[in-house]
Amino acid sequence: MSRERLDISPEGLVTAIYNDEHIKQQKDPKHDQSPFKPMKETIMKKEPKGEYKFNEKEYVEELLRVIDSTYTGHYSRQHFQATEFIIDGGHGTGFCIGNIMKYAQRYGKKGTSDDARKDLLKVLHYAIIQLYVHDIEEFDKCADIDSSIEYKYNTD
């Protein structure tokens, strides 16, 4: 049975999950582009191959501004968002995918061109929240205690 190791950032976020096989592959130069490399190393080393062709950087920056506004706007009450309670209640995936579908299907059918653009930004924001839900659920699977093992504590 392999052991797993988690890299956790100072903010408490999981930045990498390893098992014995992953570590062995990381040390093998043939697997340099392995998906098991720590995210922080992968993110910091990757540079765009020239200019973005579709203004992706500007769109991502705009999306971040929209996301920031949800933390100070009417979506947030006393530093809590309803989405947090929905995720904590185990309904995050249904909520996020439902909202992605809602705003994607509404795109261009309601209001102005600016409203349609806002719907696209909402799709992206809910997709990012779903990435978070996905990662938390995967982390929880790794953290589950094996109930077939009897755990004994040293009480001496």
C-alpha atoms as a PDB file:
ATOM      1  CA  MET A   1       0.000   0.000   0.000  1.00  0.00           C
ATOM      2  CA  SER A   2       1.412   3.395  -0.911  1.00  0.00           C
ATOM      3  CA  ARG A   3       1.432   6.368   1.391  1.00  0.00           C
ATOM      4  CA  GLU A   4       0.165   9.749   0.298  1.00  0.00           C
ATOM      5  CA  ARG A   5       1.758  13.082   1.046  1.00  0.00           C
ATOM      6  CA  LEU A   6       0.054  16.444   0.748  1.00  0.00           C
ATOM      7  CA  ASP A   7       1.729  19.782   0.183  1.00  0.00           C
ATOM      8  CA  ILE A   8      -0.315  22.445   1.943  1.00  0.00           C
ATOM      9  CA  SER A   9       0.214  26.170   1.422  1.00  0.00           C
ATOM     10  CA  PRO A  10       0.373  28.640   4.344  1.00  0.00           C
ATOM     11  CA  GLU A  11      -3.251  29.536   3.483  1.00  0.00           C
ATOM     12  CA  GLY A  12      -4.255  25.911   4.111  1.00  0.00           C
ATOM     13  CA  LEU A  13      -4.802  24.984   0.454  1.00  0.00           C
ATOM     14  CA  VAL A  14      -3.644  21.671  -0.969  1.00  0.00           C
ATOM     15  CA  THR A  15      -1.065  22.445  -3.654  1.00  0.00           C
ATOM     16  CA  ALA A  16      -0.003  18.871  -4.455  1.00  0.00           C
ATOM     17  CA  ILE A  17      -0.881  15.278  -3.621  1.00  0.00           C
ATOM     18  CA  TYR A  18       1.774  12.594  -3.938  1.00  0.00           C
ATOM     19  CA  ASN A  19       1.983   8.857  -3.502  1.00  0.00           C
ATOM     20  CA  ASP A  20       5.071   6.650  -3.793  1.00  0.00           C
ATOM     21  CA  GLU A  21       4.553   6.093  -7.547  1.00  0.00           C
ATOM     22  CA  HIS A  22       4.191   9.828  -8.200  1.00  0.00           C
ATOM     23  CA  ILE A  23       7.408  10.586  -6.353  1.00  0.00           C
ATOM     24  CA  LYS A  24       9.244   7.870  -8.290  1.00  0.00           C
ATOM     25  CA  GLN A  25       7.968   9.323 -11.586  1.00  0.00           C
ATOM     26  CA  GLN A  26       8.975  12.833 -10.555  1.00  0.00           C
ATOM     27  CA  LYS A  27      12.566  11.702 -10.080  1.00  0.00           C
ATOM     28  CA  ASP A  28      12.610  10.049 -13.512  1.00  0.00           C
ATOM     29  CA  PRO A  29      13.756  12.617 -16.144  1.00  0.00           C
ATOM     30  CA  LYS A  30      11.549  10.914 -18.750  1.00  0.00           C
ATOM     31  CA  HIS A  31       8.526  12.027 -16.764  1.00  0.00           C
ATOM     32  CA  ASP A  32       9.547  15.665 -16.402  1.00  0.00           C
ATOM     33  CA  GLN A  33       6.165  16.867 -17.721  1.00  0.00           C
ATOM     34  CA  SER A  34       4.316  14.547 -15.354  1.00  0.00           C
ATOM     35  CA  PRO A  35       0.969  15.867 -14.117  1.00  0.00           C
ATOM     36  CA  PHE A  36       2.115  14.876 -10.639  1.00  0.00           C
ATOM     37  CA  LYS A  37       4.501  17.811 -10.327  1.00  0.00           C
ATOM     38  CA  PRO A  38       3.540  20.225  -7.568  1.00  0.00           C
ATOM     39  CA  MET A  39       1.160  22.887  -8.854  1.00  0.00           C
ATOM     40  CA  LYS A  40       3.242  25.748  -7.509  1.00  0.00           C
ATOM     41  CA  GLU A  41       6.306  24.603  -9.491  1.00  0.00           C
ATOM     42  CA  THR A  42       4.266  23.997 -12.623  1.00  0.00           C
ATOM     43  CA  ILE A  43       2.519  27.360 -12.418  1.00  0.00           C
ATOM     44  CA  MET A  44       5.683  29.326 -11.709  1.00  0.00           C
ATOM     45  CA  LYS A  45       7.714  27.708 -14.499  1.00  0.00           C
ATOM     46  CA  LYS A  46       5.141  27.968 -17.277  1.00  0.00           C
ATOM     47  CA  GLU A  47       5.382  31.091 -19.353  1.00  0.00           C
ATOM     48  CA  PRO A  48       3.153  31.826 -22.328  1.00  0.00           C
ATOM     49  CA  LYS A  49       4.650  31.012 -25.698  1.00  0.00           C
ATOM     50  CA  GLY A  50       4.400  34.586 -26.918  1.00  0.00           C
ATOM     51  CA  GLU A  51       1.387  36.861 -26.815  1.00  0.00           C
ATOM     52  CA  TYR A  52      -2.076  35.489 -26.158  1.00  0.00           C
ATOM     53  CA  LYS A  53      -4.091  35.478 -29.380  1.00  0.00           C
ATOM     54  CA  PHE A  54      -7.519  35.897 -27.822  1.00  0.00           C
ATOM     55  CA  ASN A  55      -6.800  38.497 -25.093  1.00  0.00           C
ATOM     56  CA  GLU A  56      -7.001  35.766 -22.446  1.00  0.00           C
ATOM     57  CA  LYS A  57      -4.931  37.749 -19.947  1.00  0.00           C
ATOM     58  CA  GLU A  58      -7.293  40.725 -20.111  1.00  0.00           C
ATOM     59  CA  TYR A  59     -10.353  38.475 -19.777  1.00  0.00           C
ATOM     60  CA  VAL A  60      -8.898  36.661 -16.772  1.00  0.00           C
ATOM     61  CA  GLU A  61      -8.084  40.003 -15.137  1.00  0.00           C
ATOM     62  CA  GLU A  62     -11.642  41.187 -15.804  1.00  0.00           C
ATOM     63  CA  LEU A  63     -13.014  37.956 -14.338  1.00  0.00           C
ATOM     64  CA  LEU A  64     -10.923  38.495 -11.199  1.00  0.00           C
ATOM     65  CA  ARG A  65     -12.405  41.989 -10.819  1.00  0.00           C
ATOM     66  CA  VAL A  66     -15.919  40.534 -11.133  1.00  0.00           C
ATOM     67  CA  ILE A  67     -15.112  37.820  -8.575  1.00  0.00           C
ATOM     68  CA  ASP A  68     -13.639  40.429  -6.207  1.00  0.00           C
ATOM     69  CA  SER A  69     -16.872  42.421  -6.442  1.00  0.00           C
ATOM     70  CA  THR A  70     -18.878  39.418  -5.202  1.00  0.00           C
ATOM     71  CA  TYR A  71     -16.933  39.495  -1.952  1.00  0.00           C
ATOM     72  CA  THR A  72     -17.939  43.080  -1.233  1.00  0.00           C
ATOM     73  CA  GLY A  73     -21.336  43.288  -2.919  1.00  0.00           C
ATOM     74  CA  HIS A  74     -24.770  41.991  -2.047  1.00  0.00           C
ATOM     75  CA  TYR A  75     -23.575  38.380  -2.471  1.00  0.00           C
ATOM     76  CA  SER A  76     -21.650  38.601   0.787  1.00  0.00           C
ATOM     77  CA  ARG A  77     -23.196  39.128   4.207  1.00  0.00           C
ATOM     78  CA  GLN A  78     -20.900  39.472   7.219  1.00  0.00           C
ATOM     79  CA  HIS A  79     -18.040  37.893   5.191  1.00  0.00           C
ATOM     80  CA  PHE A  80     -20.080  34.785   4.307  1.00  0.00           C
ATOM     81  CA  GLN A  81     -21.567  33.914   0.954  1.00  0.00           C
ATOM     82  CA  ALA A  82     -24.603  31.676   0.543  1.00  0.00           C
ATOM     83  CA  THR A  83     -22.482  29.554  -1.806  1.00  0.00           C
ATOM     84  CA  GLU A  84     -20.277  28.580   1.151  1.00  0.00           C
ATOM     85  CA  PHE A  85     -23.254  27.162   3.040  1.00  0.00           C
ATOM     86  CA  ILE A  86     -24.470  25.313  -0.057  1.00  0.00           C
ATOM     87  CA  ILE A  87     -21.036  23.727  -0.587  1.00  0.00           C
ATOM     88  CA  ASP A  88     -20.697  22.871   3.120  1.00  0.00           C
ATOM     89  CA  GLY A  89     -24.121  21.204   2.919  1.00  0.00           C
ATOM     90  CA  GLY A  90     -22.831  18.876   0.201  1.00  0.00           C
ATOM     91  CA  HIS A  91     -24.727  20.490  -2.674  1.00  0.00           C
ATOM     92  CA  GLY A  92     -21.893  22.419  -4.313  1.00  0.00           C
ATOM     93  CA  THR A  93     -21.664  20.467  -7.561  1.00  0.00           C
ATOM     94  CA  GLY A  94     -25.386  20.593  -8.294  1.00  0.00           C
ATOM     95  CA  PHE A  95     -25.501  24.276  -7.414  1.00  0.00           C
ATOM     96  CA  CYS A  96     -22.502  25.223  -9.558  1.00  0.00           C
ATOM     97  CA  ILE A  97     -23.397  23.088 -12.583  1.00  0.00           C
ATOM     98  CA  GLY A  98     -27.007  24.252 -12.349  1.00  0.00           C
ATOM     99  CA  ASN A  99     -25.917  27.889 -12.406  1.00  0.00           C
ATOM    100  CA  ILE A 100     -23.477  27.249 -15.255  1.00  0.00           C
ATOM    101  CA  MET A 101     -26.322  25.744 -17.270  1.00  0.00           C
ATOM    102  CA  LYS A 102     -28.730  28.531 -16.314  1.00  0.00           C
ATOM    103  CA  TYR A 103     -26.449  31.346 -17.402  1.00  0.00           C
ATOM    104  CA  ALA A 104     -25.176  29.524 -20.492  1.00  0.00           C
ATOM    105  CA  GLN A 105     -28.732  28.846 -21.697  1.00  0.00           C
ATOM    106  CA  ARG A 106     -29.788  32.422 -20.924  1.00  0.00           C
ATOM    107  CA  TYR A 107     -26.821  33.894 -22.847  1.00  0.00           C
ATOM    108  CA  GLY A 108     -28.024  36.347 -25.492  1.00  0.00           C
ATOM    109  CA  LYS A 109     -31.721  35.800 -24.743  1.00  0.00           C
ATOM    110  CA  LYS A 110     -32.248  38.314 -21.966  1.00  0.00           C
ATOM    111  CA  GLY A 111     -31.473  41.998 -21.919  1.00  0.00           C
ATOM    112  CA  THR A 112     -28.695  43.784 -23.709  1.00  0.00           C
ATOM    113  CA  SER A 113     -25.385  42.689 -25.186  1.00  0.00           C
ATOM    114  CA  ASP A 114     -23.781  43.805 -21.914  1.00  0.00           C
ATOM    115  CA  ASP A 115     -26.171  41.522 -19.986  1.00  0.00           C
ATOM    116  CA  ALA A 116     -25.145  38.599 -22.207  1.00  0.00           C
ATOM    117  CA  ARG A 117     -21.506  39.355 -21.456  1.00  0.00           C
ATOM    118  CA  LYS A 118     -22.246  39.366 -17.715  1.00  0.00           C
ATOM    119  CA  ASP A 119     -23.889  35.952 -18.117  1.00  0.00           C
ATOM    120  CA  LEU A 120     -20.651  34.598 -19.625  1.00  0.00           C
ATOM    121  CA  LEU A 121     -18.659  35.973 -16.708  1.00  0.00           C
ATOM    122  CA  LYS A 122     -21.079  34.267 -14.307  1.00  0.00           C
ATOM    123  CA  VAL A 123     -20.596  30.960 -16.170  1.00  0.00           C
ATOM    124  CA  LEU A 124     -16.837  31.320 -15.713  1.00  0.00           C
ATOM    125  CA  HIS A 125     -17.148  32.260 -12.042  1.00  0.00           C
ATOM    126  CA  TYR A 126     -19.367  29.267 -11.251  1.00  0.00           C
ATOM    127  CA  ALA A 127     -16.969  27.031 -13.209  1.00  0.00           C
ATOM    128  CA  ILE A 128     -14.103  28.241 -11.004  1.00  0.00           C
ATOM    129  CA  ILE A 129     -16.156  27.594  -7.873  1.00  0.00           C
ATOM    130  CA  GLN A 130     -16.888  24.101  -9.227  1.00  0.00           C
ATOM    131  CA  LEU A 131     -13.144  23.519  -9.684  1.00  0.00           C
ATOM    132  CA  TYR A 132     -12.797  24.298  -5.989  1.00  0.00           C
ATOM    133  CA  VAL A 133     -15.652  21.903  -5.110  1.00  0.00           C
ATOM    134  CA  HIS A 134     -14.092  19.218  -7.308  1.00  0.00           C
ATOM    135  CA  ASP A 135     -10.690  19.583  -5.659  1.00  0.00           C
ATOM    136  CA  ILE A 136     -12.172  19.568  -2.146  1.00  0.00           C
ATOM    137  CA  GLU A 137     -14.139  16.399  -2.935  1.00  0.00           C
ATOM    138  CA  GLU A 138     -10.986  14.741  -4.305  1.00  0.00           C
ATOM    139  CA  PHE A 139      -9.067  15.798  -1.204  1.00  0.00           C
ATOM    140  CA  ASP A 140     -11.829  14.384   0.996  1.00  0.00           C
ATOM    141  CA  LYS A 141     -11.574  11.048  -0.817  1.00  0.00           C
ATOM    142  CA  CYS A 142      -7.849  10.941  -0.028  1.00  0.00           C
ATOM    143  CA  ALA A 143      -8.424  11.929   3.581  1.00  0.00           C
ATOM    144  CA  ASP A 144     -11.091   9.308   4.346  1.00  0.00           C
ATOM    145  CA  ILE A 145     -10.116   6.981   7.147  1.00  0.00           C
ATOM    146  CA  ASP A 146      -9.913   3.339   6.147  1.00  0.00           C
ATOM    147  CA  SER A 147     -12.603   1.744   8.324  1.00  0.00           C
ATOM    148  CA  SER A 148     -11.169  -1.748   7.799  1.00  0.00           C
ATOM    149  CA  ILE A 149      -8.077  -0.815   9.833  1.00  0.00           C
ATOM    150  CA  GLU A 150      -8.240  -0.901  13.603  1.00  0.00           C
ATOM    151  CA  TYR A 151      -6.544   2.221  14.906  1.00  0.00           C
ATOM    152  CA  LYS A 152      -4.856   1.899  18.282  1.00  0.00           C
ATOM    153  CA  TYR A 153      -3.683   4.832  20.287  1.00  0.00           C
ATOM    154  CA  ASN A 154      -0.787   4.747  22.675  1.00  0.00           C
ATOM    155  CA  THR A 155      -2.240   5.929  25.956  1.00  0.00           C
ATOM    156  CA  ASP A 156       0.935   5.491  27.989  1.00  0.00           C
END
